[in-house]
Amino acid sequence: MEQSFQRWVSNTADLKIDHIETDGGVIRLYYLSTMTDQKVIYQYLIPRLQGMNVSTITMLEIEREIGVSEQQRIFDENQIIESLLSGGAYIHLEQAEYGIYFPVKDTASRQVSPPENETNILGPQNSFVESLEINLALIRKYIRSPRLFHEHMIVGETAPNDIALVYMDGITDEENVQTVRQRINNLMVDSVIDASMLVQYIKDKEYCVFPQLVLTERPDRTVAGLLQGQVVVFVQGSPLAILGPVTFIQLFQATEDSYFRWSISTFLRLLRFLAMFLALLLTPAYVAALTYHYEIIPADLLISLAQSRSRVPFPPLFEAIMLEGIIELLREAGARLPTKIGQTIGIVGGIVIGQAIVQAGFTSNILIIIVALGALSSFSSPNYILGAVIRVLRFPIILLAGLWGGFGIAVGICFLLTHLLRQTSLGRPYLHPVYPLRFADLKDSFIRAPIQFFGMRPQLYRPKDDYRFSPRKAKQLDDIDE
């Protein structure tokens, strides 16, 4: 047996082979020290094997002695290697036809902590971790129902990784589940290390610039998606969950919208949509106005603009692109540096560089304000990827504004709308409920209606069970006998 492992053993320093001598024979125990729980091996497994006081040991007696329901019989060498790499121990006797796989995987991982990227004021303050088992346990703590189904899958030709497909039986449309299942099963890749990599493999359109599936680190948002009829995918080693299908409008919805009253949630959502338009169009509008459309600027403001730009030697197009590029450099530098240093660089660097650029005459004070307001608006997006997409799209629209003015901005907006109309998420329309128009789902789109209007689940997911609750019964009050 050891000779068949010779090539693998010579290149696997953490492979341990213990010879356990008993009265009935020698038992060999194989395990990877980096993948297994050493306490279980040395405090439970080895003492149980050493304590066998029979004259002749068989594999059947070993199975009875260790007495674990998850143990499995293994007959070939490929299964042995797979069992060791998955964090198990392999027990074998000489001349035996098979060995035993014993689960001793080390489950140590990062502790559950508050979310870092999707912070909320209200609601649960926990997030997913890199352990697939812990993430599934977090979901089951919220949904204690036998209708919560979980399918285990393995993806990767060179370095296989565990994938969990989660959905609600009787609620989630089987077509959505089958779409995700088929796309994952058809993958022929070396490995999938993180959920963000898996999203790129299973999304609908390769050249779509907008996120077609949602990545979240919040269990409460994942649970809400499951109860609506979405499909959820977890990847071992990733602290993110994949939710789909989603719509473009849902990317502007934060988890805490459900925790606020409908009036506050509606105001915040409308503010986010306004912020998107400001981030996308504010700087291009400045370039177009100063290049081609002076007549739309009020006379008093035009005088101020002329005075501010009197020392600027560059055209508005070059001025805007230069300043937007500096803002992106500061953002990228702050994100890559350690937290405390990154915050300092972002604040001090922005103030110092902005002041120096204005004094040197490279740009105007008004453009500094416009670019800062646009950058601040892009950061208001609850979806990080969407915010990054808006910042990227701002540059081609600035170029169009510099080339053709307001007509160029209109061309860019028409192109984006056409692009959005052609997109889907797991085969579902991306601009739902605006296109195709669904009045029933408008209650949770740009606005959030009062809770009594949420008796039915969104029709986007085509749920098997349409009703969450009966609004009429939910409002009934029982009389109190005095």
Protein backbone atom coordinates (compact mmCIF):
# COMPACT_ATOMS: atom_id res chain seq x y z
CA MET A 1 0.00 0.00 0.00
CA GLU A 2 2.79 2.45 0.90
CA GLN A 3 4.62 1.75 -2.37
CA SER A 4 1.56 2.81 -4.39
CA PHE A 5 1.64 6.11 -2.50
CA GLN A 6 5.35 6.62 -2.97
CA ARG A 7 5.19 9.32 -5.64
CA TRP A 8 2.49 11.24 -3.85
CA VAL A 9 4.18 10.82 -0.44
CA SER A 10 7.50 12.15 -1.75
CA ASN A 11 5.79 15.42 -2.69
CA THR A 12 3.40 15.65 0.27
CA ALA A 13 5.29 16.59 3.41
CA ASP A 14 2.16 16.87 5.56
CA LEU A 15 1.07 13.25 4.90
CA LYS A 16 1.42 11.23 8.11
CA ILE A 17 1.39 7.44 8.33
CA ASP A 18 1.05 5.97 11.82
CA HIS A 19 1.58 2.28 12.50
CA ILE A 20 -0.63 1.20 15.38
CA GLU A 21 0.45 -2.09 16.89
CA THR A 22 -2.20 -4.21 18.59
CA ASP A 23 -2.44 -7.79 19.78
CA GLY A 24 -4.30 -8.76 16.63
CA GLY A 25 -2.04 -7.02 14.08
CA VAL A 26 -0.72 -3.70 12.79
CA ILE A 27 -3.17 -1.01 11.70
CA ARG A 28 -2.01 1.77 9.37
CA LEU A 29 -3.49 5.23 9.78
CA TYR A 30 -3.06 7.82 7.00
CA TYR A 31 -3.94 11.50 7.35
CA LEU A 32 -2.82 15.01 6.38
CA SER A 33 -1.68 16.97 9.41
CA THR A 34 -2.72 20.28 7.81
CA MET A 35 -6.28 19.16 7.11
CA THR A 36 -7.28 17.13 10.15
CA ASP A 37 -8.13 17.78 13.78
CA GLN A 38 -5.16 16.41 15.73
CA LYS A 39 -7.13 16.19 18.98
CA VAL A 40 -9.65 13.81 17.45
CA ILE A 41 -6.89 11.61 16.07
CA TYR A 42 -4.76 11.39 19.21
CA GLN A 43 -7.48 11.57 21.87
CA TYR A 44 -10.15 9.43 20.25
CA LEU A 45 -9.14 7.53 17.12
CA ILE A 46 -5.72 6.13 18.03
CA PRO A 47 -6.72 5.14 21.63
CA ARG A 48 -9.77 3.28 20.28
CA LEU A 49 -7.64 1.39 17.78
CA GLN A 50 -4.95 0.60 20.35
CA GLY A 51 -7.57 -0.68 22.76
CA MET A 52 -8.73 -3.47 20.47
CA ASN A 53 -7.83 -6.66 22.42
CA VAL A 54 -8.84 -9.34 19.96
CA SER A 55 -6.52 -12.02 18.65
CA THR A 56 -7.30 -11.35 14.99
CA ILE A 57 -8.41 -7.94 13.76
CA THR A 58 -10.62 -7.49 10.69
CA MET A 59 -11.86 -4.38 8.96
CA LEU A 60 -15.40 -5.16 10.10
CA GLU A 61 -14.30 -5.14 13.74
CA ILE A 62 -12.52 -1.81 13.22
CA GLU A 63 -15.71 -0.32 11.79
CA ARG A 64 -17.64 -1.47 14.85
CA GLU A 65 -14.98 -0.19 17.23
CA ILE A 66 -14.77 3.38 15.93
CA GLY A 67 -18.57 3.49 15.50
CA VAL A 68 -19.09 6.62 13.35
CA SER A 69 -22.01 6.78 10.97
CA GLU A 70 -20.08 8.88 8.43
CA GLN A 71 -17.36 6.31 7.90
CA GLN A 72 -17.09 4.92 4.38
CA ARG A 73 -15.41 1.96 2.73
CA ILE A 74 -12.72 2.82 0.18
CA PHE A 75 -11.45 0.35 -2.41
CA ASP A 76 -9.08 2.19 -4.79
CA GLU A 77 -6.16 4.60 -4.46
CA ASN A 78 -7.89 7.57 -6.10
CA GLN A 79 -10.60 7.46 -3.44
CA ILE A 80 -7.92 7.28 -0.77
CA ILE A 81 -6.25 10.45 -1.99
CA GLU A 82 -9.60 12.24 -2.31
CA SER A 83 -10.59 11.25 1.22
CA LEU A 84 -7.29 12.50 2.64
CA LEU A 85 -7.51 15.78 0.75
CA SER A 86 -11.05 16.33 2.06
CA GLY A 87 -9.79 16.21 5.64
CA GLY A 88 -10.32 12.58 6.57
CA ALA A 89 -8.24 9.75 7.97
CA TYR A 90 -7.75 6.45 6.15
CA ILE A 91 -7.51 3.23 8.17
CA HIS A 92 -6.19 0.05 6.56
CA LEU A 93 -5.01 -3.46 7.39
CA GLU A 94 -2.52 -5.46 5.35
CA GLN A 95 -4.12 -7.90 2.93
CA ALA A 96 -7.54 -6.28 3.46
CA GLU A 97 -9.70 -5.66 0.38
CA TYR A 98 -10.76 -2.19 1.46
CA GLY A 99 -10.00 0.57 3.93
CA ILE A 100 -12.12 2.95 6.00
CA TYR A 101 -12.54 6.69 5.65
CA PHE A 102 -12.97 8.41 9.03
CA PRO A 103 -13.99 12.13 9.07
CA VAL A 104 -11.58 14.18 11.18
CA LYS A 105 -11.65 17.44 9.25
CA ASP A 106 -10.35 20.49 11.08
CA THR A 107 -13.33 22.86 11.23
CA ALA A 108 -11.43 25.84 12.66
CA SER A 109 -12.25 29.03 10.77
CA ARG A 110 -12.76 32.75 11.22
CA GLN A 111 -15.40 33.55 13.77
CA VAL A 112 -18.70 35.08 12.68
CA SER A 113 -18.31 38.87 12.84
CA PRO A 114 -20.25 41.98 11.81
CA PRO A 115 -20.31 42.65 8.05
CA GLU A 116 -17.61 44.97 6.76
CA ASN A 117 -18.87 45.84 3.27
CA GLU A 118 -22.65 45.84 3.86
CA THR A 119 -23.00 47.60 7.17
CA ASN A 120 -26.48 48.29 8.52
CA ILE A 121 -27.79 50.30 11.45
CA LEU A 122 -30.75 48.01 12.05
CA GLY A 123 -31.02 44.26 11.65
CA PRO A 124 -28.70 41.34 12.48
CA GLN A 125 -25.02 42.15 12.78
CA ASN A 126 -23.41 38.98 11.49
CA SER A 127 -21.85 37.94 8.20
CA PHE A 128 -20.77 34.82 6.35
CA VAL A 129 -17.31 33.32 6.85
CA GLU A 130 -15.03 31.11 4.74
CA SER A 131 -16.51 27.87 6.09
CA LEU A 132 -19.29 26.31 4.02
CA GLU A 133 -20.67 24.44 7.02
CA ILE A 134 -20.90 27.58 9.17
CA ASN A 135 -22.59 29.53 6.37
CA LEU A 136 -25.22 26.82 5.91
CA ALA A 137 -25.73 26.73 9.68
CA LEU A 138 -26.37 30.49 9.69
CA ILE A 139 -29.07 30.02 7.05
CA ARG A 140 -30.71 27.18 8.95
CA LYS A 141 -30.83 29.28 12.12
CA TYR A 142 -33.10 31.69 10.26
CA ILE A 143 -35.08 29.10 8.26
CA ARG A 144 -35.91 26.14 10.50
CA SER A 145 -37.99 24.40 7.88
CA PRO A 146 -37.77 21.04 6.07
CA ARG A 147 -38.53 22.95 2.86
CA LEU A 148 -35.00 24.38 2.85
CA PHE A 149 -33.16 22.16 0.35
CA HIS A 150 -29.40 21.92 0.00
CA GLU A 151 -27.55 20.19 -2.84
CA HIS A 152 -23.84 19.44 -2.67
CA MET A 153 -21.75 19.81 -5.82
CA ILE A 154 -18.03 19.66 -6.66
CA VAL A 155 -16.42 21.94 -9.25
CA GLY A 156 -12.85 21.91 -10.51
CA GLU A 157 -10.71 19.56 -12.57
CA THR A 158 -7.31 20.30 -11.01
CA ALA A 159 -8.33 21.54 -7.55
CA PRO A 160 -11.93 20.49 -6.80
CA ASN A 161 -13.94 22.68 -4.48
CA ASP A 162 -17.29 22.20 -2.71
CA ILE A 163 -20.35 24.10 -3.91
CA ALA A 164 -23.70 24.31 -2.10
CA LEU A 165 -26.92 25.00 -4.04
CA VAL A 166 -29.67 26.18 -1.66
CA TYR A 167 -33.34 26.88 -2.38
CA MET A 168 -36.81 26.63 -0.84
CA ASP A 169 -38.87 23.67 -1.98
CA GLY A 170 -42.40 24.67 -2.89
CA ILE A 171 -41.41 28.32 -3.37
CA THR A 172 -38.45 28.46 -5.77
CA ASP A 173 -39.21 27.84 -9.42
CA GLU A 174 -37.63 24.58 -10.53
CA GLU A 175 -36.56 26.19 -13.80
CA ASN A 176 -34.33 28.65 -11.92
CA VAL A 177 -32.84 25.83 -9.87
CA GLN A 178 -32.21 23.70 -12.94
CA THR A 179 -30.58 26.63 -14.77
CA VAL A 180 -28.06 27.18 -11.97
CA ARG A 181 -27.51 23.45 -11.48
CA GLN A 182 -26.84 22.85 -15.16
CA ARG A 183 -24.45 25.80 -15.51
CA ILE A 184 -22.41 24.64 -12.52
CA ASN A 185 -22.34 21.01 -13.68
CA ASN A 186 -21.20 22.05 -17.16
CA LEU A 187 -18.16 23.95 -15.88
CA MET A 188 -14.81 22.57 -17.06
CA VAL A 189 -12.35 24.71 -15.11
CA ASP A 190 -9.25 24.10 -13.01
CA SER A 191 -10.82 25.42 -9.83
CA VAL A 192 -13.32 27.86 -8.36
CA ILE A 193 -11.69 29.61 -5.42
CA ASP A 194 -14.31 32.24 -4.61
CA ALA A 195 -17.96 33.01 -5.24
CA SER A 196 -16.98 36.09 -7.25
CA MET A 197 -15.18 33.79 -9.71
CA LEU A 198 -18.17 31.45 -9.97
CA VAL A 199 -20.44 34.40 -10.81
CA GLN A 200 -18.31 35.14 -13.88
CA TYR A 201 -18.72 31.55 -15.09
CA ILE A 202 -22.49 31.16 -14.65
CA LYS A 203 -23.83 34.63 -15.55
CA ASP A 204 -26.03 35.04 -18.62
CA LYS A 205 -24.13 37.50 -20.83
CA GLU A 206 -20.35 37.56 -20.93
CA TYR A 207 -20.05 41.17 -22.08
CA CYS A 208 -22.60 42.72 -19.73
CA VAL A 209 -21.00 45.50 -17.71
CA PHE A 210 -23.63 45.39 -14.95
CA PRO A 211 -23.79 42.66 -12.26
CA GLN A 212 -26.28 39.96 -13.30
CA LEU A 213 -26.12 38.13 -9.97
CA VAL A 214 -25.79 39.58 -6.47
CA LEU A 215 -22.92 38.83 -4.10
CA THR A 216 -23.74 39.39 -0.45
CA GLU A 217 -22.08 38.72 2.89
CA ARG A 218 -25.29 39.14 4.91
CA PRO A 219 -27.29 36.07 6.03
CA ASP A 220 -30.49 38.12 6.49
CA ARG A 221 -30.41 39.32 2.89
CA THR A 222 -29.78 35.76 1.72
CA VAL A 223 -32.69 34.45 3.77
CA ALA A 224 -34.97 37.16 2.39
CA GLY A 225 -33.98 36.12 -1.13
CA LEU A 226 -34.68 32.45 -0.40
CA LEU A 227 -38.14 33.24 0.97
CA GLN A 228 -38.91 35.30 -2.14
CA GLY A 229 -37.93 32.45 -4.48
CA GLN A 230 -34.30 33.19 -5.34
CA VAL A 231 -31.60 30.56 -5.73
CA VAL A 232 -28.52 30.80 -3.48
CA VAL A 233 -25.06 29.36 -4.12
CA PHE A 234 -22.19 29.05 -1.62
CA VAL A 235 -18.56 28.25 -2.36
CA GLN A 236 -16.23 26.64 0.16
CA GLY A 237 -13.62 29.20 1.21
CA SER A 238 -15.70 32.23 0.21
CA PRO A 239 -17.49 34.56 2.67
CA LEU A 240 -20.03 35.55 0.00
CA ALA A 241 -23.32 34.10 -1.19
CA ILE A 242 -24.60 34.31 -4.76
CA LEU A 243 -28.26 35.28 -5.25
CA GLY A 244 -30.22 35.09 -8.47
CA PRO A 245 -32.12 35.99 -10.47
CA VAL A 246 -31.90 39.73 -9.78
CA THR A 247 -32.95 42.92 -11.52
CA PHE A 248 -31.21 46.21 -12.16
CA ILE A 249 -33.56 48.00 -9.78
CA GLN A 250 -32.79 45.54 -6.97
CA LEU A 251 -29.14 46.60 -7.06
CA PHE A 252 -30.22 49.90 -5.49
CA GLN A 253 -32.09 48.21 -2.65
CA ALA A 254 -30.30 47.83 0.68
CA THR A 255 -31.03 45.14 3.24
CA GLU A 256 -32.08 47.63 5.89
CA ASP A 257 -34.88 48.93 3.65
CA SER A 258 -36.98 46.14 5.14
CA TYR A 259 -36.23 47.30 8.67
CA PHE A 260 -37.28 50.93 8.15
CA ARG A 261 -40.82 52.19 7.72
CA TRP A 262 -41.99 52.40 4.12
CA SER A 263 -41.71 56.20 3.98
CA ILE A 264 -38.05 56.23 5.05
CA SER A 265 -37.17 53.33 2.75
CA THR A 266 -38.82 55.03 -0.20
CA PHE A 267 -36.93 58.27 0.44
CA LEU A 268 -33.59 56.43 0.67
CA ARG A 269 -34.21 54.47 -2.51
CA LEU A 270 -35.11 57.58 -4.48
CA LEU A 271 -32.00 59.24 -3.07
CA ARG A 272 -29.86 56.36 -4.36
CA PHE A 273 -31.36 56.62 -7.84
CA LEU A 274 -30.71 60.36 -7.83
CA ALA A 275 -27.14 59.69 -6.72
CA MET A 276 -26.66 57.32 -9.66
CA PHE A 277 -27.71 59.97 -12.16
CA LEU A 278 -25.47 62.54 -10.49
CA ALA A 279 -22.49 60.18 -10.51
CA LEU A 280 -23.06 59.31 -14.15
CA LEU A 281 -24.08 62.64 -15.68
CA LEU A 282 -22.85 65.51 -13.49
CA THR A 283 -19.30 65.75 -14.88
CA PRO A 284 -20.39 65.07 -18.50
CA ALA A 285 -23.00 67.84 -18.17
CA TYR A 286 -20.25 70.25 -17.03
CA VAL A 287 -18.08 69.33 -20.02
CA ALA A 288 -20.96 69.61 -22.50
CA ALA A 289 -22.15 72.95 -21.10
CA LEU A 290 -18.72 74.61 -21.18
CA THR A 291 -17.82 73.17 -24.58
CA TYR A 292 -21.01 73.60 -26.62
CA HIS A 293 -23.92 74.93 -24.56
CA TYR A 294 -22.97 78.17 -22.84
CA GLU A 295 -26.54 79.43 -23.38
CA ILE A 296 -28.01 77.03 -20.78
CA ILE A 297 -25.82 78.43 -18.00
CA PRO A 298 -27.34 81.34 -16.00
CA ALA A 299 -25.54 84.65 -16.54
CA ASP A 300 -24.42 85.04 -12.92
CA LEU A 301 -23.03 81.50 -12.84
CA LEU A 302 -21.37 81.98 -16.22
CA ILE A 303 -19.39 84.93 -14.87
CA SER A 304 -18.25 82.84 -11.91
CA LEU A 305 -17.26 79.98 -14.24
CA ALA A 306 -15.31 82.32 -16.48
CA GLN A 307 -13.39 83.73 -13.53
CA SER A 308 -12.71 80.25 -12.16
CA ARG A 309 -11.41 79.00 -15.52
CA SER A 310 -9.46 82.12 -16.43
CA ARG A 311 -6.13 80.51 -15.42
CA VAL A 312 -6.91 76.98 -16.70
CA PRO A 313 -4.99 76.29 -19.96
CA PHE A 314 -6.80 73.03 -20.77
CA PRO A 315 -10.17 72.40 -22.45
CA PRO A 316 -12.99 71.16 -20.20
CA LEU A 317 -12.74 67.60 -21.57
CA PHE A 318 -9.08 67.15 -20.63
CA GLU A 319 -9.64 68.95 -17.32
CA ALA A 320 -12.51 66.65 -16.33
CA ILE A 321 -10.78 63.40 -17.34
CA MET A 322 -7.61 64.41 -15.50
CA LEU A 323 -9.50 65.18 -12.29
CA GLU A 324 -11.67 62.05 -12.50
CA GLY A 325 -8.52 59.99 -12.99
CA ILE A 326 -6.92 61.52 -9.89
CA ILE A 327 -10.03 60.71 -7.84
CA GLU A 328 -9.89 57.07 -9.00
CA LEU A 329 -6.17 56.87 -8.18
CA LEU A 330 -6.84 58.14 -4.66
CA ARG A 331 -9.68 55.64 -4.22
CA GLU A 332 -7.57 52.74 -5.45
CA ALA A 333 -4.60 53.73 -3.30
CA GLY A 334 -6.82 54.02 -0.22
CA ALA A 335 -8.36 50.60 -0.88
CA ARG A 336 -5.00 48.83 -1.24
CA LEU A 337 -3.28 50.36 1.78
CA PRO A 338 -3.93 49.23 5.38
CA THR A 339 -7.18 50.59 6.82
CA LYS A 340 -5.81 53.42 8.98
CA ILE A 341 -3.27 54.55 6.40
CA GLY A 342 -5.82 54.26 3.59
CA GLN A 343 -8.27 56.56 5.32
CA THR A 344 -5.52 59.11 5.92
CA ILE A 345 -4.38 58.98 2.29
CA GLY A 346 -7.95 59.42 1.04
CA ILE A 347 -8.70 62.47 3.19
CA VAL A 348 -5.34 64.24 3.30
CA GLY A 349 -4.44 63.33 -0.29
CA GLY A 350 -7.74 64.63 -1.62
CA ILE A 351 -7.46 67.94 0.22
CA VAL A 352 -3.77 68.54 -0.52
CA ILE A 353 -3.89 67.50 -4.19
CA GLY A 354 -7.16 69.35 -4.84
CA GLN A 355 -5.86 72.57 -3.32
CA ALA A 356 -2.55 72.29 -5.15
CA ILE A 357 -4.21 71.64 -8.52
CA VAL A 358 -6.46 74.68 -8.18
CA GLN A 359 -3.60 76.97 -7.11
CA ALA A 360 -1.43 75.70 -9.98
CA GLY A 361 -4.21 76.57 -12.45
CA PHE A 362 -4.75 73.04 -13.76
CA THR A 363 -8.47 73.04 -12.93
CA SER A 364 -11.24 75.22 -11.54
CA ASN A 365 -12.86 75.22 -8.10
CA ILE A 366 -16.27 74.45 -9.57
CA LEU A 367 -15.06 71.28 -11.28
CA ILE A 368 -13.47 70.16 -7.99
CA ILE A 369 -16.90 70.43 -6.37
CA ILE A 370 -18.65 68.63 -9.24
CA VAL A 371 -16.17 65.73 -9.35
CA ALA A 372 -16.24 65.33 -5.57
CA LEU A 373 -20.04 65.29 -5.58
CA GLY A 374 -20.06 62.71 -8.38
CA ALA A 375 -17.59 60.48 -6.52
CA LEU A 376 -19.61 60.77 -3.32
CA SER A 377 -22.78 59.84 -5.23
CA SER A 378 -21.15 56.70 -6.67
CA PHE A 379 -20.24 55.54 -3.16
CA SER A 380 -23.90 55.66 -2.10
CA SER A 381 -24.70 52.52 -4.07
CA PRO A 382 -25.46 49.57 -1.72
CA ASN A 383 -23.90 47.23 -4.29
CA TYR A 384 -20.13 47.71 -4.54
CA ILE A 385 -19.85 46.28 -8.05
CA LEU A 386 -22.59 48.58 -9.34
CA GLY A 387 -20.78 51.58 -7.87
CA ALA A 388 -17.58 50.52 -9.64
CA VAL A 389 -19.48 50.10 -12.93
CA ILE A 390 -20.95 53.61 -12.66
CA ARG A 391 -17.49 55.07 -12.06
CA VAL A 392 -16.15 53.29 -15.14
CA LEU A 393 -19.08 54.29 -17.39
CA ARG A 394 -18.58 57.92 -16.42
CA PHE A 395 -15.41 58.15 -18.55
CA PRO A 396 -16.89 57.20 -21.97
CA ILE A 397 -19.87 59.49 -21.34
CA ILE A 398 -17.45 62.34 -20.54
CA LEU A 399 -15.70 61.65 -23.87
CA LEU A 400 -19.02 61.68 -25.73
CA ALA A 401 -19.94 64.97 -24.01
CA GLY A 402 -16.62 66.48 -25.05
CA LEU A 403 -17.06 65.35 -28.66
CA TRP A 404 -20.76 66.07 -29.29
CA GLY A 405 -22.06 67.92 -26.22
CA GLY A 406 -25.60 67.15 -25.09
CA PHE A 407 -26.17 64.98 -28.16
CA GLY A 408 -23.23 62.81 -27.11
CA ILE A 409 -24.68 62.40 -23.61
CA ALA A 410 -28.01 61.37 -25.15
CA VAL A 411 -26.23 58.81 -27.36
CA GLY A 412 -24.48 57.35 -24.30
CA ILE A 413 -27.71 57.10 -22.30
CA CYS A 414 -29.53 55.47 -25.23
CA PHE A 415 -26.72 52.95 -25.60
CA LEU A 416 -26.90 52.10 -21.87
CA LEU A 417 -30.70 51.70 -21.99
CA THR A 418 -30.44 49.45 -25.05
CA HIS A 419 -27.76 47.43 -23.30
CA LEU A 420 -29.92 47.04 -20.18
CA LEU A 421 -33.00 46.03 -22.21
CA ARG A 422 -31.05 43.14 -23.76
CA GLN A 423 -29.83 41.72 -20.46
CA THR A 424 -31.24 38.84 -18.43
CA SER A 425 -30.49 37.20 -15.09
CA LEU A 426 -30.90 33.43 -15.17
CA GLY A 427 -33.15 33.97 -18.16
CA ARG A 428 -35.37 36.54 -16.39
CA PRO A 429 -35.76 40.14 -17.67
CA TYR A 430 -33.17 42.44 -16.14
CA LEU A 431 -35.36 45.57 -16.12
CA HIS A 432 -38.33 43.90 -14.46
CA PRO A 433 -40.86 45.29 -13.42
CA VAL A 434 -40.42 48.28 -15.78
CA TYR A 435 -39.77 46.11 -18.84
CA PRO A 436 -41.88 44.09 -19.20
CA LEU A 437 -44.25 46.22 -17.14
CA ARG A 438 -45.59 44.44 -14.04
CA PHE A 439 -47.72 46.71 -11.87
CA ALA A 440 -47.89 44.12 -9.08
CA ASP A 441 -44.11 44.27 -8.52
CA LEU A 442 -43.80 48.06 -8.70
CA LYS A 443 -44.62 48.16 -4.98
CA ASP A 444 -41.05 47.09 -4.24
CA SER A 445 -38.99 48.79 -6.94
CA PHE A 446 -38.24 52.53 -7.04
CA ILE A 447 -40.39 52.88 -3.94
CA ARG A 448 -41.27 50.58 -1.08
CA ALA A 449 -44.98 50.35 -0.35
CA PRO A 450 -46.39 49.73 3.15
CA ILE A 451 -46.02 46.19 4.47
CA GLN A 452 -49.68 45.24 3.91
CA PHE A 453 -49.05 45.32 0.14
CA PHE A 454 -46.42 42.58 0.35
CA GLY A 455 -48.80 39.64 0.65
CA MET A 456 -47.64 38.18 -2.68
CA ARG A 457 -44.13 37.24 -3.69
CA PRO A 458 -42.46 38.99 -6.68
CA GLN A 459 -43.57 37.51 -10.00
CA LEU A 460 -40.03 37.81 -11.38
CA TYR A 461 -39.03 34.56 -9.66
CA ARG A 462 -42.21 32.73 -10.73
CA PRO A 463 -42.66 31.21 -7.25
CA LYS A 464 -44.71 28.07 -6.83
CA ASP A 465 -46.34 29.56 -3.74
CA ASP A 466 -47.41 33.12 -4.60
CA TYR A 467 -48.57 34.18 -1.13
CA ARG A 468 -46.40 35.21 1.78
CA PHE A 469 -49.39 35.98 3.97
CA SER A 470 -52.97 37.16 3.75
CA PRO A 471 -53.12 40.94 4.35
CA ARG A 472 -56.74 40.69 5.44
CA LYS A 473 -56.04 38.03 8.08
CA ALA A 474 -52.86 39.75 9.20
CA LYS A 475 -54.85 42.90 10.10
CA GLN A 476 -57.48 41.03 12.11
CA LEU A 477 -57.39 41.74 15.83
CA ASP A 478 -58.75 39.38 18.45
CA ASP A 479 -61.05 40.85 21.05
CA ILE A 480 -59.76 40.68 24.58
CA ASP A 481 -62.27 39.41 27.10
CA GLU A 482 -62.20 41.40 30.26
